[in-house]
Structures are given as structure tokens and as C-alpha cells.
PDB file of all heavy atoms in Angstrom:
ATOM      1  N   SER A   1      97.152  85.569  85.789  1.00  0.00           N
ATOM      2  CA  SER A   1      98.487  85.034  85.392  1.00  0.00           C
ATOM      3  C   SER A   1      99.611  85.832  86.062  1.00  0.00           C
ATOM      4  O   SER A   1     100.597  85.311  86.567  1.00  0.00           O
ATOM      5  CB  SER A   1      98.685  85.104  83.873  1.00  0.00           C
ATOM      6  OG  SER A   1      97.769  84.315  83.229  1.00  0.00           O
ATOM      7  N   THR A   2      99.376  87.173  86.184  1.00  0.00           N
ATOM      8  CA  THR A   2     100.366  88.062  86.853  1.00  0.00           C
ATOM      9  C   THR A   2     100.392  87.702  88.351  1.00  0.00           C
ATOM     10  O   THR A   2     101.541  87.645  88.904  1.00  0.00           O
ATOM     11  CB  THR A   2      99.980  89.536  86.678  1.00  0.00           C
ATOM     12  OG1 THR A   2      99.906  89.796  85.304  1.00  0.00           O
ATOM     13  CG2 THR A   2     101.046  90.416  87.326  1.00  0.00           C
ATOM     14  N   VAL A   3      99.262  87.576  88.982  1.00  0.00           N
ATOM     15  CA  VAL A   3      99.212  87.241  90.415  1.00  0.00           C
ATOM     16  C   VAL A   3      99.894  85.916  90.679  1.00  0.00           C
ATOM     17  O   VAL A   3     100.682  85.797  91.673  1.00  0.00           O
ATOM     18  CB  VAL A   3      97.765  87.232  90.917  1.00  0.00           C
ATOM     19  CG1 VAL A   3      97.684  86.643  92.325  1.00  0.00           C
ATOM     20  CG2 VAL A   3      97.182  88.622  90.891  1.00  0.00           C
ATOM     21  N   ASN A   4      99.639  84.941  89.842  1.00  0.00           N
ATOM     22  CA  ASN A   4     100.256  83.606  90.103  1.00  0.00           C
ATOM     23  C   ASN A   4     101.760  83.677  89.912  1.00  0.00           C
ATOM     24  O   ASN A   4     102.532  83.059  90.691  1.00  0.00           O
ATOM     25  CB  ASN A   4      99.701  82.582  89.078  1.00  0.00           C
ATOM     26  CG  ASN A   4      98.215  82.242  89.361  1.00  0.00           C
ATOM     27  OD1 ASN A   4      97.745  82.418  90.512  1.00  0.00           O
ATOM     28  ND2 ASN A   4      97.509  81.848  88.282  1.00  0.00           N
ATOM     29  N   ALA A   5     102.263  84.405  88.985  1.00  0.00           N
ATOM     30  CA  ALA A   5     103.699  84.596  88.795  1.00  0.00           C
ATOM     31  C   ALA A   5     104.306  85.337  89.904  1.00  0.00           C
ATOM     32  O   ALA A   5     105.351  84.951  90.414  1.00  0.00           O
ATOM     33  CB  ALA A   5     103.918  85.319  87.438  1.00  0.00           C
ATOM     34  N   MET A   6     103.684  86.347  90.360  1.00  0.00           N
ATOM     35  CA  MET A   6     104.208  87.138  91.514  1.00  0.00           C
ATOM     36  C   MET A   6     104.123  86.352  92.773  1.00  0.00           C
ATOM     37  O   MET A   6     105.010  86.500  93.676  1.00  0.00           O
ATOM     38  CB  MET A   6     103.340  88.449  91.709  1.00  0.00           C
ATOM     39  CG  MET A   6     103.410  89.401  90.543  1.00  0.00           C
ATOM     40  SD  MET A   6     105.053  90.256  90.423  1.00  0.00           S
ATOM     41  CE  MET A   6     104.971  91.355  91.807  1.00  0.00           C
ATOM     42  N   ASN A   7     103.160  85.494  92.884  1.00  0.00           N
ATOM     43  CA  ASN A   7     103.023  84.682  94.125  1.00  0.00           C
ATOM     44  C   ASN A   7     104.172  83.720  94.320  1.00  0.00           C
ATOM     45  O   ASN A   7     104.534  83.415  95.424  1.00  0.00           O
ATOM     46  CB  ASN A   7     101.648  83.927  94.044  1.00  0.00           C
ATOM     47  CG  ASN A   7     101.242  83.340  95.394  1.00  0.00           C
ATOM     48  OD1 ASN A   7     101.163  84.054  96.370  1.00  0.00           O
ATOM     49  ND2 ASN A   7     101.150  82.025  95.497  1.00  0.00           N
ATOM     50  N   VAL A   8     104.688  83.188  93.203  1.00  0.00           N
ATOM     51  CA  VAL A   8     105.821  82.283  93.265  1.00  0.00           C
ATOM     52  C   VAL A   8     107.063  82.952  93.919  1.00  0.00           C
ATOM     53  O   VAL A   8     107.744  82.309  94.698  1.00  0.00           O
ATOM     54  CB  VAL A   8     106.261  81.835  91.845  1.00  0.00           C
ATOM     55  CG1 VAL A   8     107.490  81.004  91.870  1.00  0.00           C
ATOM     56  CG2 VAL A   8     105.099  81.032  91.228  1.00  0.00           C
ATOM     57  N   VAL A   9     107.192  84.265  93.700  1.00  0.00           N
ATOM     58  CA  VAL A   9     108.283  84.989  94.273  1.00  0.00           C
ATOM     59  C   VAL A   9     107.993  85.652  95.636  1.00  0.00           C
ATOM     60  O   VAL A   9     108.766  85.476  96.585  1.00  0.00           O
ATOM     61  CB  VAL A   9     108.829  86.080  93.307  1.00  0.00           C
ATOM     62  CG1 VAL A   9     109.955  86.874  93.915  1.00  0.00           C
ATOM     63  CG2 VAL A   9     109.234  85.511  91.975  1.00  0.00           C
ATOM     64  N   LEU A  10     106.820  86.220  95.734  1.00  0.00           N
ATOM     65  CA  LEU A  10     106.529  87.043  96.894  1.00  0.00           C
ATOM     66  C   LEU A  10     105.989  86.232  98.071  1.00  0.00           C
ATOM     67  O   LEU A  10     106.263  86.590  99.207  1.00  0.00           O
ATOM     68  CB  LEU A  10     105.528  88.135  96.506  1.00  0.00           C
ATOM     69  CG  LEU A  10     105.990  89.160  95.492  1.00  0.00           C
ATOM     70  CD1 LEU A  10     104.915  90.142  95.177  1.00  0.00           C
ATOM     71  CD2 LEU A  10     107.212  89.920  96.007  1.00  0.00           C
ATOM     72  N   ALA A  11     105.207  85.240  97.800  1.00  0.00           N
ATOM     73  CA  ALA A  11     104.608  84.461  98.925  1.00  0.00           C
ATOM     74  C   ALA A  11     105.692  83.847  99.831  1.00  0.00           C
ATOM     75  O   ALA A  11     105.625  83.959 101.040  1.00  0.00           O
ATOM     76  CB  ALA A  11     103.687  83.340  98.384  1.00  0.00           C
ATOM     77  N   PRO A  12     106.784  83.259  99.280  1.00  0.00           N
ATOM     78  CA  PRO A  12     107.827  82.691 100.206  1.00  0.00           C
ATOM     79  C   PRO A  12     108.671  83.791 100.812  1.00  0.00           C
ATOM     80  O   PRO A  12     109.248  83.531 101.887  1.00  0.00           O
ATOM     81  CB  PRO A  12     108.700  81.817  99.244  1.00  0.00           C
ATOM     82  CG  PRO A  12     107.834  81.666  97.969  1.00  0.00           C
ATOM     83  CD  PRO A  12     107.015  82.876  97.896  1.00  0.00           C
ATOM     84  N   THR A  13     108.794  84.961 100.193  1.00  0.00           N
ATOM     85  CA  THR A  13     109.678  85.976 100.711  1.00  0.00           C
ATOM     86  C   THR A  13     109.032  86.931 101.716  1.00  0.00           C
ATOM     87  O   THR A  13     109.567  87.261 102.749  1.00  0.00           O
ATOM     88  CB  THR A  13     110.340  86.818  99.627  1.00  0.00           C
ATOM     89  OG1 THR A  13     109.240  87.308  98.754  1.00  0.00           O
ATOM     90  CG2 THR A  13     111.217  85.944  98.774  1.00  0.00           C
ATOM     91  N   ILE A  14     107.835  87.452 101.402  1.00  0.00           N
ATOM     92  CA  ILE A  14     107.190  88.380 102.282  1.00  0.00           C
ATOM     93  C   ILE A  14     105.740  87.974 102.723  1.00  0.00           C
ATOM     94  O   ILE A  14     105.057  88.705 103.344  1.00  0.00           O
ATOM     95  CB  ILE A  14     107.057  89.793 101.623  1.00  0.00           C
ATOM     96  CG1 ILE A  14     106.169  89.760 100.452  1.00  0.00           C
ATOM     97  CG2 ILE A  14     108.470  90.310 101.228  1.00  0.00           C
ATOM     98  CD1 ILE A  14     105.923  91.197  99.801  1.00  0.00           C
ATOM     99  N   GLY A  15     105.368  86.770 102.331  1.00  0.00           N
ATOM    100  CA  GLY A  15     104.006  86.290 102.720  1.00  0.00           C
ATOM    101  C   GLY A  15     103.944  85.780 104.117  1.00  0.00           C
ATOM    102  O   GLY A  15     102.842  85.930 104.776  1.00  0.00           O
ATOM    103  N   PHE A  16     105.022  85.201 104.598  1.00  0.00           N
ATOM    104  CA  PHE A  16     105.023  84.656 105.988  1.00  0.00           C
ATOM    105  C   PHE A  16     103.909  83.717 106.296  1.00  0.00           C
ATOM    106  O   PHE A  16     103.420  83.638 107.465  1.00  0.00           O
ATOM    107  CB  PHE A  16     105.037  85.812 107.056  1.00  0.00           C
ATOM    108  CG  PHE A  16     106.118  86.863 106.835  1.00  0.00           C
ATOM    109  CD1 PHE A  16     105.802  88.097 106.375  1.00  0.00           C
ATOM    110  CD2 PHE A  16     107.431  86.540 107.062  1.00  0.00           C
ATOM    111  CE1 PHE A  16     106.716  89.068 106.187  1.00  0.00           C
ATOM    112  CE2 PHE A  16     108.422  87.477 106.794  1.00  0.00           C
ATOM    113  CZ  PHE A  16     108.092  88.780 106.392  1.00  0.00           C
ATOM    114  N   GLY A  17     103.467  82.996 105.257  1.00  0.00           N
ATOM    115  CA  GLY A  17     102.383  82.027 105.453  1.00  0.00           C
ATOM    116  C   GLY A  17     101.088  82.651 105.871  1.00  0.00           C
ATOM    117  O   GLY A  17     100.177  81.980 106.341  1.00  0.00           O
ATOM    118  N   GLY A  18     100.911  83.934 105.674  1.00  0.00           N
ATOM    119  CA  GLY A  18      99.678  84.649 106.047  1.00  0.00           C
ATOM    120  C   GLY A  18      99.613  84.970 107.505  1.00  0.00           C
ATOM    121  O   GLY A  18      98.572  85.493 108.021  1.00  0.00           O
ATOM    122  N   ARG A  19     100.680  84.682 108.286  1.00  0.00           N
ATOM    123  CA  ARG A  19     100.624  84.899 109.759  1.00  0.00           C
ATOM    124  C   ARG A  19     100.809  86.390 110.146  1.00  0.00           C
ATOM    125  O   ARG A  19     100.353  86.795 111.185  1.00  0.00           O
ATOM    126  CB  ARG A  19     101.712  84.105 110.435  1.00  0.00           C
ATOM    127  CG  ARG A  19     101.523  82.568 110.247  1.00  0.00           C
ATOM    128  CD  ARG A  19     102.444  81.790 111.201  1.00  0.00           C
ATOM    129  NE  ARG A  19     103.873  82.103 110.851  1.00  0.00           N
ATOM    130  CZ  ARG A  19     104.652  81.510 109.887  1.00  0.00           C
ATOM    131  NH1 ARG A  19     104.040  80.640 109.165  1.00  0.00           N
ATOM    132  NH2 ARG A  19     105.876  81.902 109.734  1.00  0.00           N
ATOM    133  N   PHE A  20     101.541  87.105 109.302  1.00  0.00           N
ATOM    134  CA  PHE A  20     101.867  88.538 109.663  1.00  0.00           C
ATOM    135  C   PHE A  20     101.471  89.473 108.511  1.00  0.00           C
ATOM    136  O   PHE A  20     102.352  90.043 107.850  1.00  0.00           O
ATOM    137  CB  PHE A  20     103.297  88.692 109.978  1.00  0.00           C
ATOM    138  CG  PHE A  20     103.807  87.660 111.012  1.00  0.00           C
ATOM    139  CD1 PHE A  20     104.668  86.681 110.611  1.00  0.00           C
ATOM    140  CD2 PHE A  20     103.429  87.813 112.357  1.00  0.00           C
ATOM    141  CE1 PHE A  20     105.127  85.783 111.552  1.00  0.00           C
ATOM    142  CE2 PHE A  20     103.891  86.946 113.289  1.00  0.00           C
ATOM    143  CZ  PHE A  20     104.724  85.871 112.898  1.00  0.00           C
ATOM    144  N   PRO A  21     100.177  89.594 108.196  1.00  0.00           N
ATOM    145  CA  PRO A  21      99.754  90.423 107.081  1.00  0.00           C
ATOM    146  C   PRO A  21     100.196  91.897 107.120  1.00  0.00           C
ATOM    147  O   PRO A  21     100.441  92.544 106.145  1.00  0.00           O
ATOM    148  CB  PRO A  21      98.225  90.273 107.047  1.00  0.00           C
ATOM    149  CG  PRO A  21      97.901  89.875 108.452  1.00  0.00           C
ATOM    150  CD  PRO A  21      99.060  89.084 108.941  1.00  0.00           C
ATOM    151  N   THR A  22     100.249  92.421 108.374  1.00  0.00           N
ATOM    152  CA  THR A  22     100.666  93.801 108.549  1.00  0.00           C
ATOM    153  C   THR A  22     102.073  94.052 108.079  1.00  0.00           C
ATOM    154  O   THR A  22     102.431  95.049 107.420  1.00  0.00           O
ATOM    155  CB  THR A  22     100.496  94.297 109.968  1.00  0.00           C
ATOM    156  OG1 THR A  22      99.125  94.147 110.405  1.00  0.00           O
ATOM    157  CG2 THR A  22     100.848  95.750 110.152  1.00  0.00           C
ATOM    158  N   ILE A  23     102.976  93.089 108.408  1.00  0.00           N
ATOM    159  CA  ILE A  23     104.328  93.158 108.001  1.00  0.00           C
ATOM    160  C   ILE A  23     104.439  92.971 106.483  1.00  0.00           C
ATOM    161  O   ILE A  23     105.244  93.619 105.850  1.00  0.00           O
ATOM    162  CB  ILE A  23     105.152  92.074 108.690  1.00  0.00           C
ATOM    163  CG1 ILE A  23     105.153  92.344 110.211  1.00  0.00           C
ATOM    164  CG2 ILE A  23     106.632  92.084 108.226  1.00  0.00           C
ATOM    165  CD1 ILE A  23     105.941  91.326 111.038  1.00  0.00           C
ATOM    166  N   THR A  24     103.643  92.097 105.918  1.00  0.00           N
ATOM    167  CA  THR A  24     103.584  91.925 104.455  1.00  0.00           C
ATOM    168  C   THR A  24     103.232  93.217 103.760  1.00  0.00           C
ATOM    169  O   THR A  24     103.893  93.634 102.794  1.00  0.00           O
ATOM    170  CB  THR A  24     102.584  90.845 104.076  1.00  0.00           C
ATOM    171  OG1 THR A  24     102.999  89.550 104.669  1.00  0.00           O
ATOM    172  CG2 THR A  24     102.554  90.699 102.586  1.00  0.00           C
ATOM    173  N   ILE A  25     102.229  93.923 104.287  1.00  0.00           N
ATOM    174  CA  ILE A  25     101.768  95.162 103.712  1.00  0.00           C
ATOM    175  C   ILE A  25     102.903  96.217 103.860  1.00  0.00           C
ATOM    176  O   ILE A  25     103.148  96.919 102.863  1.00  0.00           O
ATOM    177  CB  ILE A  25     100.506  95.695 104.430  1.00  0.00           C
ATOM    178  CG1 ILE A  25      99.294  94.757 104.118  1.00  0.00           C
ATOM    179  CG2 ILE A  25     100.156  97.125 103.996  1.00  0.00           C
ATOM    180  CD1 ILE A  25      98.031  95.104 104.837  1.00  0.00           C
ATOM    181  N   MET A  26     103.576  96.219 104.995  1.00  0.00           N
ATOM    182  CA  MET A  26     104.631  97.219 105.220  1.00  0.00           C
ATOM    183  C   MET A  26     105.761  97.032 104.262  1.00  0.00           C
ATOM    184  O   MET A  26     106.346  98.002 103.696  1.00  0.00           O
ATOM    185  CB  MET A  26     105.135  97.139 106.683  1.00  0.00           C
ATOM    186  CG  MET A  26     106.101  98.169 107.047  1.00  0.00           C
ATOM    187  SD  MET A  26     106.622  97.980 108.775  1.00  0.00           S
ATOM    188  CE  MET A  26     105.104  98.340 109.586  1.00  0.00           C
ATOM    189  N   ILE A  27     106.195  95.773 104.046  1.00  0.00           N
ATOM    190  CA  ILE A  27     107.339  95.476 103.137  1.00  0.00           C
ATOM    191  C   ILE A  27     106.920  95.867 101.763  1.00  0.00           C
ATOM    192  O   ILE A  27     107.748  96.444 100.939  1.00  0.00           O
ATOM    193  CB  ILE A  27     107.715  94.021 103.246  1.00  0.00           C
ATOM    194  CG1 ILE A  27     108.242  93.701 104.662  1.00  0.00           C
ATOM    195  CG2 ILE A  27     108.766  93.667 102.152  1.00  0.00           C
ATOM    196  CD1 ILE A  27     108.549  92.224 104.854  1.00  0.00           C
ATOM    197  N   ALA A  28     105.692  95.499 101.338  1.00  0.00           N
ATOM    198  CA  ALA A  28     105.233  95.886 100.005  1.00  0.00           C
ATOM    199  C   ALA A  28     105.236  97.380  99.794  1.00  0.00           C
ATOM    200  O   ALA A  28     105.627  97.900  98.744  1.00  0.00           O
ATOM    201  CB  ALA A  28     103.812  95.330  99.752  1.00  0.00           C
ATOM    202  N   GLU A  29     104.839  98.113 100.857  1.00  0.00           N
ATOM    203  CA  GLU A  29     104.865  99.575 100.795  1.00  0.00           C
ATOM    204  C   GLU A  29     106.247 100.104 100.674  1.00  0.00           C
ATOM    205  O   GLU A  29     106.493 101.074  99.927  1.00  0.00           O
ATOM    206  CB  GLU A  29     104.206 100.119 102.113  1.00  0.00           C
ATOM    207  CG  GLU A  29     104.282 101.643 102.251  1.00  0.00           C
ATOM    208  CD  GLU A  29     103.355 102.372 101.317  1.00  0.00           C
ATOM    209  OE1 GLU A  29     102.448 101.755 100.743  1.00  0.00           O
ATOM    210  OE2 GLU A  29     103.555 103.585 101.190  1.00  0.00           O
ATOM    211  N   LEU A  30     107.200  99.519 101.389  1.00  0.00           N
ATOM    212  CA  LEU A  30     108.577  99.946 101.338  1.00  0.00           C
ATOM    213  C   LEU A  30     109.129  99.751  99.930  1.00  0.00           C
ATOM    214  O   LEU A  30     109.834 100.624  99.403  1.00  0.00           O
ATOM    215  CB  LEU A  30     109.438  99.178 102.354  1.00  0.00           C
ATOM    216  CG  LEU A  30     109.166  99.436 103.823  1.00  0.00           C
ATOM    217  CD1 LEU A  30     110.078  98.572 104.687  1.00  0.00           C
ATOM    218  CD2 LEU A  30     109.291 100.909 104.179  1.00  0.00           C
ATOM    219  N   VAL A  31     108.813  98.622  99.317  1.00  0.00           N
ATOM    220  CA  VAL A  31     109.265  98.404  97.908  1.00  0.00           C
ATOM    221  C   VAL A  31     108.729  99.505  96.962  1.00  0.00           C
ATOM    222  O   VAL A  31     109.451 100.015  96.149  1.00  0.00           O
ATOM    223  CB  VAL A  31     108.836  97.038  97.439  1.00  0.00           C
ATOM    224  CG1 VAL A  31     109.137  96.796  96.001  1.00  0.00           C
ATOM    225  CG2 VAL A  31     109.533  95.877  98.241  1.00  0.00           C
ATOM    226  N   VAL A  32     107.404  99.754  97.092  1.00  0.00           N
ATOM    227  CA  VAL A  32     106.820 100.765  96.235  1.00  0.00           C
ATOM    228  C   VAL A  32     107.453 102.119  96.443  1.00  0.00           C
ATOM    229  O   VAL A  32     107.765 102.868  95.528  1.00  0.00           O
ATOM    230  CB  VAL A  32     105.269 100.824  96.477  1.00  0.00           C
ATOM    231  CG1 VAL A  32     104.703 102.060  95.782  1.00  0.00           C
ATOM    232  CG2 VAL A  32     104.627  99.573  96.038  1.00  0.00           C
ATOM    233  N   VAL A  33     107.656 102.472  97.747  1.00  0.00           N
ATOM    234  CA  VAL A  33     108.209 103.821  98.100  1.00  0.00           C
ATOM    235  C   VAL A  33     109.663 103.913  97.578  1.00  0.00           C
ATOM    236  O   VAL A  33     110.039 104.888  96.929  1.00  0.00           O
ATOM    237  CB  VAL A  33     108.125 104.043  99.577  1.00  0.00           C
ATOM    238  CG1 VAL A  33     108.978 105.286  99.982  1.00  0.00           C
ATOM    239  CG2 VAL A  33     106.721 104.251  99.976  1.00  0.00           C
ATOM    240  N   LEU A  34     110.421 102.857  97.888  1.00  0.00           N
ATOM    241  CA  LEU A  34     111.859 102.882  97.435  1.00  0.00           C
ATOM    242  C   LEU A  34     111.984 103.015  95.953  1.00  0.00           C
ATOM    243  O   LEU A  34     112.815 103.787  95.465  1.00  0.00           O
ATOM    244  CB  LEU A  34     112.574 101.666  97.993  1.00  0.00           C
ATOM    245  CG  LEU A  34     112.784 101.644  99.471  1.00  0.00           C
ATOM    246  CD1 LEU A  34     113.420 100.259  99.899  1.00  0.00           C
ATOM    247  CD2 LEU A  34     113.783 102.735  99.904  1.00  0.00           C
ATOM    248  N   LEU A  35     111.156 102.285  95.235  1.00  0.00           N
ATOM    249  CA  LEU A  35     111.268 102.273  93.778  1.00  0.00           C
ATOM    250  C   LEU A  35     110.743 103.611  93.194  1.00  0.00           C
ATOM    251  O   LEU A  35     111.450 104.268  92.478  1.00  0.00           O
ATOM    252  CB  LEU A  35     110.455 101.072  93.190  1.00  0.00           C
ATOM    253  CG  LEU A  35     110.350 101.080  91.688  1.00  0.00           C
ATOM    254  CD1 LEU A  35     111.680 100.789  91.043  1.00  0.00           C
ATOM    255  CD2 LEU A  35     109.322 100.024  91.201  1.00  0.00           C
ATOM    256  N   GLY A  36     109.457 103.884  93.538  1.00  0.00           N
ATOM    257  CA  GLY A  36     108.842 105.037  92.913  1.00  0.00           C
ATOM    258  C   GLY A  36     109.489 106.361  93.341  1.00  0.00           C
ATOM    259  O   GLY A  36     109.755 107.211  92.464  1.00  0.00           O
ATOM    260  N   THR A  37     109.711 106.541  94.612  1.00  0.00           N
ATOM    261  CA  THR A  37     110.360 107.800  95.059  1.00  0.00           C
ATOM    262  C   THR A  37     111.738 107.975  94.609  1.00  0.00           C
ATOM    263  O   THR A  37     112.122 109.093  94.165  1.00  0.00           O
ATOM    264  CB  THR A  37     110.301 107.854  96.629  1.00  0.00           C
ATOM    265  OG1 THR A  37     108.973 107.652  97.031  1.00  0.00           O
ATOM    266  CG2 THR A  37     110.813 109.171  97.161  1.00  0.00           C
ATOM    267  N   THR A  38     112.553 106.934  94.604  1.00  0.00           N
ATOM    268  CA  THR A  38     113.885 107.020  94.183  1.00  0.00           C
ATOM    269  C   THR A  38     114.027 107.393  92.720  1.00  0.00           C
ATOM    270  O   THR A  38     114.712 108.324  92.341  1.00  0.00           O
ATOM    271  CB  THR A  38     114.676 105.633  94.398  1.00  0.00           C
ATOM    272  OG1 THR A  38     114.619 105.342  95.760  1.00  0.00           O
ATOM    273  CG2 THR A  38     116.135 105.787  93.964  1.00  0.00           C
ATOM    274  N   LEU A  39     113.241 106.734  91.849  1.00  0.00           N
ATOM    275  CA  LEU A  39     113.302 107.048  90.464  1.00  0.00           C
ATOM    276  C   LEU A  39     112.779 108.431  90.155  1.00  0.00           C
ATOM    277  O   LEU A  39     113.378 109.191  89.343  1.00  0.00           O
ATOM    278  CB  LEU A  39     112.466 106.015  89.659  1.00  0.00           C
ATOM    279  CG  LEU A  39     113.053 104.582  89.560  1.00  0.00           C
ATOM    280  CD1 LEU A  39     112.038 103.668  88.844  1.00  0.00           C
ATOM    281  CD2 LEU A  39     114.346 104.595  88.841  1.00  0.00           C
ATOM    282  N   ARG A  40     111.658 108.843  90.837  1.00  0.00           N
ATOM    283  CA  ARG A  40     111.145 110.158  90.616  1.00  0.00           C
ATOM    284  C   ARG A  40     112.142 111.254  90.995  1.00  0.00           C
ATOM    285  O   ARG A  40     112.349 112.237  90.306  1.00  0.00           O
ATOM    286  CB  ARG A  40     109.831 110.305  91.385  1.00  0.00           C
ATOM    287  CG  ARG A  40     109.187 111.624  91.169  1.00  0.00           C
ATOM    288  CD  ARG A  40     107.771 111.683  91.731  1.00  0.00           C
ATOM    289  NE  ARG A  40     107.812 111.301  93.167  1.00  0.00           N
ATOM    290  CZ  ARG A  40     108.064 112.127  94.185  1.00  0.00           C
ATOM    291  NH1 ARG A  40     108.339 113.347  93.930  1.00  0.00           N
ATOM    292  NH2 ARG A  40     108.055 111.717  95.432  1.00  0.00           N
TER     293      ARG A  40
END
């Protein structure tokens, strides 16, 4: 259920139709770093 809900938002924004998985991973990493590191 969580994956399906996240997919509605993330697939159109950072999924790129599966064509650029490395960029998708990089953007996801940036989100995690910006959120986790900033709050910490």
C-alpha cells in the first residue's frame, strides 16, 4: 500500500519512465541526505 501510494507521486516526478534509473537513485539519495542530514 505504501509503495503504491508513493508510486503515484514519485514515478511521474523522478521515475523518468524507467529510462534513467541512475538519476532516479541519485535524486532519491539527495532527498534522503537533505532531509536526514539537515534535521540531524
